[in-house]
Every structure is written in C-alpha cells, then in structure tokens.
Amino acid sequence: MSHHETVPPEQQEEKQQTDDLAARIPEPEVVPQAKRRQFTAQYKLSILEKADRCMERGQIGELLRREGLYSSHLSKWRQQRARGQLQGLAPKRRGRKPPDPSAAEIAQLRRENERLRAQLEQAEIIIDVQKKLAKLLGLTTNGTENNESEP
C-alpha cells in the first residue's frame, strides 16, 4: 500500500468549484484613494523656518522625510516667501471662481434696460395709433393745433 492517497473525482470537482468561487468573489478590502494635501500658510512658514535652521548635512532631508514633503515644496515656498506673497502661501481654492458681483448687477441692469425699451416701443406704437385714429375721426388735439398754426 502506498502513502499517497487518491482523492475521489467527486471531491476533486467540489474543491475545484470552491476554488473557482473564491476566485470570482472580489476582495472586500477597499484601497483608499489618495487625497490632495493642502498646507496652511502657517505650516509652510514653520517648515521654512525649520529648514532655515538646518545647518548640518542631511538635516533638511530628514525634515522632509519626517514631514512627508518634497524638496520642490521647499523651493516653491521659498520663492513665494521671497516675493512677499504670504497670502500666496495659503492654499488656493480649486474649481470655478465665484461670479463677480458687478457682473450680476450689469446683467440685471441690461435686462431692465431691454424691458424699458420694449415698453417705450409699445407706448410709441400706441401713441402713433391714437394720432392716426384722431386724424381719421377728424379730432384735433391741442398739441396738433398749435403745431399746425405755427408754420
């Protein structure tokens, strides 16, 4: 008799089906998506101060590794500080810019202007029709009598 046992074909099929099922079920572990980091102006200034105090070789690299930063962060922040852009060190809002309040006022005034022009045009049409009707009926107004007698 040998030490190797033979597995019946029914059990082999069951094992294969269980392996297939396990392969089809997705892993429940959800990998978090990376989130864009935003640094406050105060944090940037504190890092720049710490970097400026580093005198020995490798201290800046140690600071960057400890804080999870890149050397490009330091160079960019130093340029902004040199230009005196402390407010430029603050993180910028992403996305659409809010509408300009004067643009909203201009748009409202334009709509009102168009509405008033339409009213004026309608009033001129009504006045013109009234003049024609008065002429047809032989009625004269005080304004027309004065205008006709002057020339």
C-alpha atoms as a PDB file:
ATOM      1  CA  MET A   1       0.000   0.000   0.000  1.00  0.00           C
ATOM      2  CA  SER A   2       1.340   3.476  -0.851  1.00  0.00           C
ATOM      3  CA  HIS A   3       1.486   6.548   1.310  1.00  0.00           C
ATOM      4  CA  HIS A   4      -0.273   8.647  -1.312  1.00  0.00           C
ATOM      5  CA  GLU A   5      -3.995   8.629  -1.018  1.00  0.00           C
ATOM      6  CA  THR A   6      -6.093   9.120  -4.068  1.00  0.00           C
ATOM      7  CA  VAL A   7      -8.883  11.696  -3.920  1.00  0.00           C
ATOM      8  CA  PRO A   8     -12.176  10.606  -5.413  1.00  0.00           C
ATOM      9  CA  PRO A   9     -13.251  12.575  -8.521  1.00  0.00           C
ATOM     10  CA  GLU A  10     -16.343  13.965  -6.743  1.00  0.00           C
ATOM     11  CA  GLN A  11     -14.199  15.630  -4.102  1.00  0.00           C
ATOM     12  CA  GLN A  12     -11.832  16.976  -6.759  1.00  0.00           C
ATOM     13  CA  GLU A  13     -14.782  18.622  -8.545  1.00  0.00           C
ATOM     14  CA  GLU A  14     -16.054  20.162  -5.287  1.00  0.00           C
ATOM     15  CA  LYS A  15     -12.595  21.508  -4.470  1.00  0.00           C
ATOM     16  CA  GLN A  16     -12.243  22.980  -7.957  1.00  0.00           C
ATOM     17  CA  GLN A  17     -15.710  24.619  -7.723  1.00  0.00           C
ATOM     18  CA  THR A  18     -14.827  26.139  -4.343  1.00  0.00           C
ATOM     19  CA  ASP A  19     -11.563  27.487  -5.757  1.00  0.00           C
ATOM     20  CA  ASP A  20     -13.405  28.982  -8.769  1.00  0.00           C
ATOM     21  CA  LEU A  21     -15.969  30.602  -6.477  1.00  0.00           C
ATOM     22  CA  ALA A  22     -13.240  32.089  -4.290  1.00  0.00           C
ATOM     23  CA  ALA A  23     -11.520  33.473  -7.376  1.00  0.00           C
ATOM     24  CA  ARG A  24     -14.733  35.175  -8.548  1.00  0.00           C
ATOM     25  CA  ILE A  25     -15.540  36.888  -5.225  1.00  0.00           C
ATOM     26  CA  PRO A  26     -13.856  40.303  -5.117  1.00  0.00           C
ATOM     27  CA  GLU A  27     -11.614  41.237  -2.242  1.00  0.00           C
ATOM     28  CA  PRO A  28     -13.661  43.252   0.299  1.00  0.00           C
ATOM     29  CA  GLU A  29     -10.657  45.398   1.195  1.00  0.00           C
ATOM     30  CA  VAL A  30     -11.099  48.867  -0.288  1.00  0.00           C
ATOM     31  CA  VAL A  31      -7.945  50.748  -1.108  1.00  0.00           C
ATOM     32  CA  PRO A  32      -8.351  54.411  -0.128  1.00  0.00           C
ATOM     33  CA  GLN A  33      -7.832  56.932  -2.868  1.00  0.00           C
ATOM     34  CA  ALA A  34      -5.062  59.428  -2.434  1.00  0.00           C
ATOM     35  CA  LYS A  35      -6.276  62.830  -1.305  1.00  0.00           C
ATOM     36  CA  ARG A  36      -4.595  66.029  -2.408  1.00  0.00           C
ATOM     37  CA  ARG A  37      -2.855  67.632   0.531  1.00  0.00           C
ATOM     38  CA  GLN A  38      -3.314  71.278   1.306  1.00  0.00           C
ATOM     39  CA  PHE A  39      -0.917  73.136   3.541  1.00  0.00           C
ATOM     40  CA  THR A  40      -1.788  76.248   5.532  1.00  0.00           C
ATOM     41  CA  ALA A  41       0.382  79.342   5.270  1.00  0.00           C
ATOM     42  CA  GLN A  42       1.317  78.944   8.938  1.00  0.00           C
ATOM     43  CA  TYR A  43       2.503  75.364   8.353  1.00  0.00           C
ATOM     44  CA  LYS A  44       4.525  76.386   5.296  1.00  0.00           C
ATOM     45  CA  LEU A  45       6.215  79.192   7.209  1.00  0.00           C
ATOM     46  CA  SER A  46       7.036  76.889  10.131  1.00  0.00           C
ATOM     47  CA  ILE A  47       8.602  74.328   7.767  1.00  0.00           C
ATOM     48  CA  LEU A  48      10.620  77.071   6.064  1.00  0.00           C
ATOM     49  CA  GLU A  49      11.857  78.294   9.455  1.00  0.00           C
ATOM     50  CA  LYS A  50      12.845  74.751  10.460  1.00  0.00           C
ATOM     51  CA  ALA A  51      14.621  74.268   7.116  1.00  0.00           C
ATOM     52  CA  ASP A  52      16.489  77.554   7.561  1.00  0.00           C
ATOM     53  CA  ARG A  53      17.744  76.379  10.980  1.00  0.00           C
ATOM     54  CA  CYS A  54      19.169  73.171   9.483  1.00  0.00           C
ATOM     55  CA  MET A  55      22.964  73.612   9.357  1.00  0.00           C
ATOM     56  CA  GLU A  56      24.338  70.100   9.122  1.00  0.00           C
ATOM     57  CA  ARG A  57      24.394  67.895   6.105  1.00  0.00           C
ATOM     58  CA  GLY A  58      21.273  65.708   5.792  1.00  0.00           C
ATOM     59  CA  GLN A  59      19.108  67.618   8.248  1.00  0.00           C
ATOM     60  CA  ILE A  60      16.887  69.088   5.544  1.00  0.00           C
ATOM     61  CA  GLY A  61      16.407  65.644   4.016  1.00  0.00           C
ATOM     62  CA  GLU A  62      15.489  64.284   7.446  1.00  0.00           C
ATOM     63  CA  LEU A  63      12.979  67.112   7.932  1.00  0.00           C
ATOM     64  CA  LEU A  64      11.423  66.452   4.523  1.00  0.00           C
ATOM     65  CA  ARG A  65      11.133  62.705   5.176  1.00  0.00           C
ATOM     66  CA  ARG A  66       9.653  63.278   8.630  1.00  0.00           C
ATOM     67  CA  GLU A  67       7.036  65.697   7.260  1.00  0.00           C
ATOM     68  CA  GLY A  68       6.384  63.724   4.058  1.00  0.00           C
ATOM     69  CA  LEU A  69       7.380  66.612   1.805  1.00  0.00           C
ATOM     70  CA  TYR A  70       9.405  67.006  -1.373  1.00  0.00           C
ATOM     71  CA  SER A  71      12.306  69.368  -1.975  1.00  0.00           C
ATOM     72  CA  SER A  72      10.179  71.043  -4.663  1.00  0.00           C
ATOM     73  CA  HIS A  73       7.774  72.119  -1.902  1.00  0.00           C
ATOM     74  CA  LEU A  74      10.603  73.920  -0.137  1.00  0.00           C
ATOM     75  CA  SER A  75      11.895  75.637  -3.264  1.00  0.00           C
ATOM     76  CA  LYS A  76       8.424  76.805  -4.305  1.00  0.00           C
ATOM     77  CA  TRP A  77       7.587  78.059  -0.816  1.00  0.00           C
ATOM     78  CA  ARG A  78      10.923  79.888  -0.601  1.00  0.00           C
ATOM     79  CA  GLN A  79      10.225  81.653  -3.910  1.00  0.00           C
ATOM     80  CA  GLN A  80       6.807  82.714  -2.697  1.00  0.00           C
ATOM     81  CA  ARG A  81       8.259  83.962   0.591  1.00  0.00           C
ATOM     82  CA  ALA A  82      10.983  85.894  -1.255  1.00  0.00           C
ATOM     83  CA  ARG A  83       8.355  87.633  -3.384  1.00  0.00           C
ATOM     84  CA  GLY A  84       6.499  88.585  -0.214  1.00  0.00           C
ATOM     85  CA  GLN A  85       3.457  86.547  -1.080  1.00  0.00           C
ATOM     86  CA  LEU A  86       2.408  85.414   2.373  1.00  0.00           C
ATOM     87  CA  GLN A  87      -1.154  85.188   1.146  1.00  0.00           C
ATOM     88  CA  GLY A  88       0.247  83.250  -1.810  1.00  0.00           C
ATOM     89  CA  LEU A  89       1.413  80.619   0.650  1.00  0.00           C
ATOM     90  CA  ALA A  90      -2.189  79.928   1.594  1.00  0.00           C
ATOM     91  CA  PRO A  91      -3.780  77.075  -0.333  1.00  0.00           C
ATOM     92  CA  LYS A  92      -5.758  78.149  -3.357  1.00  0.00           C
ATOM     93  CA  ARG A  93      -9.357  77.108  -3.808  1.00  0.00           C
ATOM     94  CA  ARG A  94      -9.925  74.807  -6.697  1.00  0.00           C
ATOM     95  CA  GLY A  95     -12.831  74.792  -9.101  1.00  0.00           C
ATOM     96  CA  ARG A  96     -14.946  77.531 -10.567  1.00  0.00           C
ATOM     97  CA  LYS A  97     -14.428  81.038  -9.374  1.00  0.00           C
ATOM     98  CA  PRO A  98     -17.434  82.720  -7.762  1.00  0.00           C
ATOM     99  CA  PRO A  99     -19.248  85.103 -10.102  1.00  0.00           C
ATOM    100  CA  ASP A 100     -18.256  88.754  -9.937  1.00  0.00           C
ATOM    101  CA  PRO A 101     -20.981  90.760  -8.104  1.00  0.00           C
ATOM    102  CA  SER A 102     -20.641  93.656 -10.550  1.00  0.00           C
ATOM    103  CA  ALA A 103     -21.275  91.255 -13.448  1.00  0.00           C
ATOM    104  CA  ALA A 104     -24.563  90.204 -11.852  1.00  0.00           C
ATOM    105  CA  GLU A 105     -25.539  93.852 -11.414  1.00  0.00           C
ATOM    106  CA  ILE A 106     -24.635  94.640 -15.030  1.00  0.00           C
ATOM    107  CA  ALA A 107     -26.721  91.706 -16.267  1.00  0.00           C
ATOM    108  CA  GLN A 108     -29.695  92.843 -14.171  1.00  0.00           C
ATOM    109  CA  LEU A 109     -29.390  96.407 -15.487  1.00  0.00           C
ATOM    110  CA  ARG A 110     -29.232  95.144 -19.068  1.00  0.00           C
ATOM    111  CA  ARG A 111     -32.398  93.088 -18.574  1.00  0.00           C
ATOM    112  CA  GLU A 112     -34.148  96.140 -17.082  1.00  0.00           C
ATOM    113  CA  ASN A 113     -32.932  98.298 -19.988  1.00  0.00           C
ATOM    114  CA  GLU A 114     -34.350  95.805 -22.518  1.00  0.00           C
ATOM    115  CA  ARG A 115     -37.674  95.691 -20.646  1.00  0.00           C
ATOM    116  CA  LEU A 116     -37.903  99.503 -20.626  1.00  0.00           C
ATOM    117  CA  ARG A 117     -37.030  99.700 -24.328  1.00  0.00           C
ATOM    118  CA  ALA A 118     -39.837  97.250 -25.112  1.00  0.00           C
ATOM    119  CA  GLN A 119     -42.260  99.328 -23.043  1.00  0.00           C
ATOM    120  CA  LEU A 120     -41.162 102.512 -24.822  1.00  0.00           C
ATOM    121  CA  GLU A 121     -41.607 100.895 -28.233  1.00  0.00           C
ATOM    122  CA  GLN A 122     -45.082  99.714 -27.251  1.00  0.00           C
ATOM    123  CA  ALA A 123     -46.009 103.200 -25.965  1.00  0.00           C
ATOM    124  CA  GLU A 124     -44.774 104.804 -29.219  1.00  0.00           C
ATOM    125  CA  ILE A 125     -46.915 102.381 -31.236  1.00  0.00           C
ATOM    126  CA  ILE A 126     -49.971 103.205 -29.101  1.00  0.00           C
ATOM    127  CA  ILE A 127     -49.389 106.959 -29.481  1.00  0.00           C
ATOM    128  CA  ASP A 128     -48.957 106.582 -33.244  1.00  0.00           C
ATOM    129  CA  VAL A 129     -52.214 104.604 -33.488  1.00  0.00           C
ATOM    130  CA  GLN A 130     -54.025 107.241 -31.399  1.00  0.00           C
ATOM    131  CA  LYS A 131     -52.784 110.015 -33.714  1.00  0.00           C
ATOM    132  CA  LYS A 132     -53.958 108.128 -36.795  1.00  0.00           C
ATOM    133  CA  LEU A 133     -57.346 107.425 -35.191  1.00  0.00           C
ATOM    134  CA  ALA A 134     -57.756 111.072 -34.236  1.00  0.00           C
ATOM    135  CA  LYS A 135     -56.904 112.122 -37.781  1.00  0.00           C
ATOM    136  CA  LEU A 136     -59.441 109.663 -39.226  1.00  0.00           C
ATOM    137  CA  LEU A 137     -62.174 110.871 -36.889  1.00  0.00           C
ATOM    138  CA  GLY A 138     -61.310 114.484 -37.570  1.00  0.00           C
ATOM    139  CA  LEU A 139     -60.420 115.160 -33.965  1.00  0.00           C
ATOM    140  CA  THR A 140     -57.621 117.536 -33.225  1.00  0.00           C
ATOM    141  CA  THR A 141     -55.616 117.737 -30.080  1.00  0.00           C
ATOM    142  CA  ASN A 142     -54.247 120.884 -28.549  1.00  0.00           C
ATOM    143  CA  GLY A 143     -50.719 119.870 -29.440  1.00  0.00           C
ATOM    144  CA  THR A 144     -51.534 119.323 -33.107  1.00  0.00           C
ATOM    145  CA  GLU A 145     -53.451 122.597 -33.420  1.00  0.00           C
ATOM    146  CA  ASN A 146     -50.525 124.559 -32.079  1.00  0.00           C
ATOM    147  CA  ASN A 147     -48.102 122.776 -34.381  1.00  0.00           C
ATOM    148  CA  GLU A 148     -50.280 123.309 -37.472  1.00  0.00           C
ATOM    149  CA  SER A 149     -50.904 127.021 -36.834  1.00  0.00           C
ATOM    150  CA  GLU A 150     -47.238 127.886 -36.298  1.00  0.00           C
ATOM    151  CA  PRO A 151     -45.878 127.294 -39.819  1.00  0.00           C
END
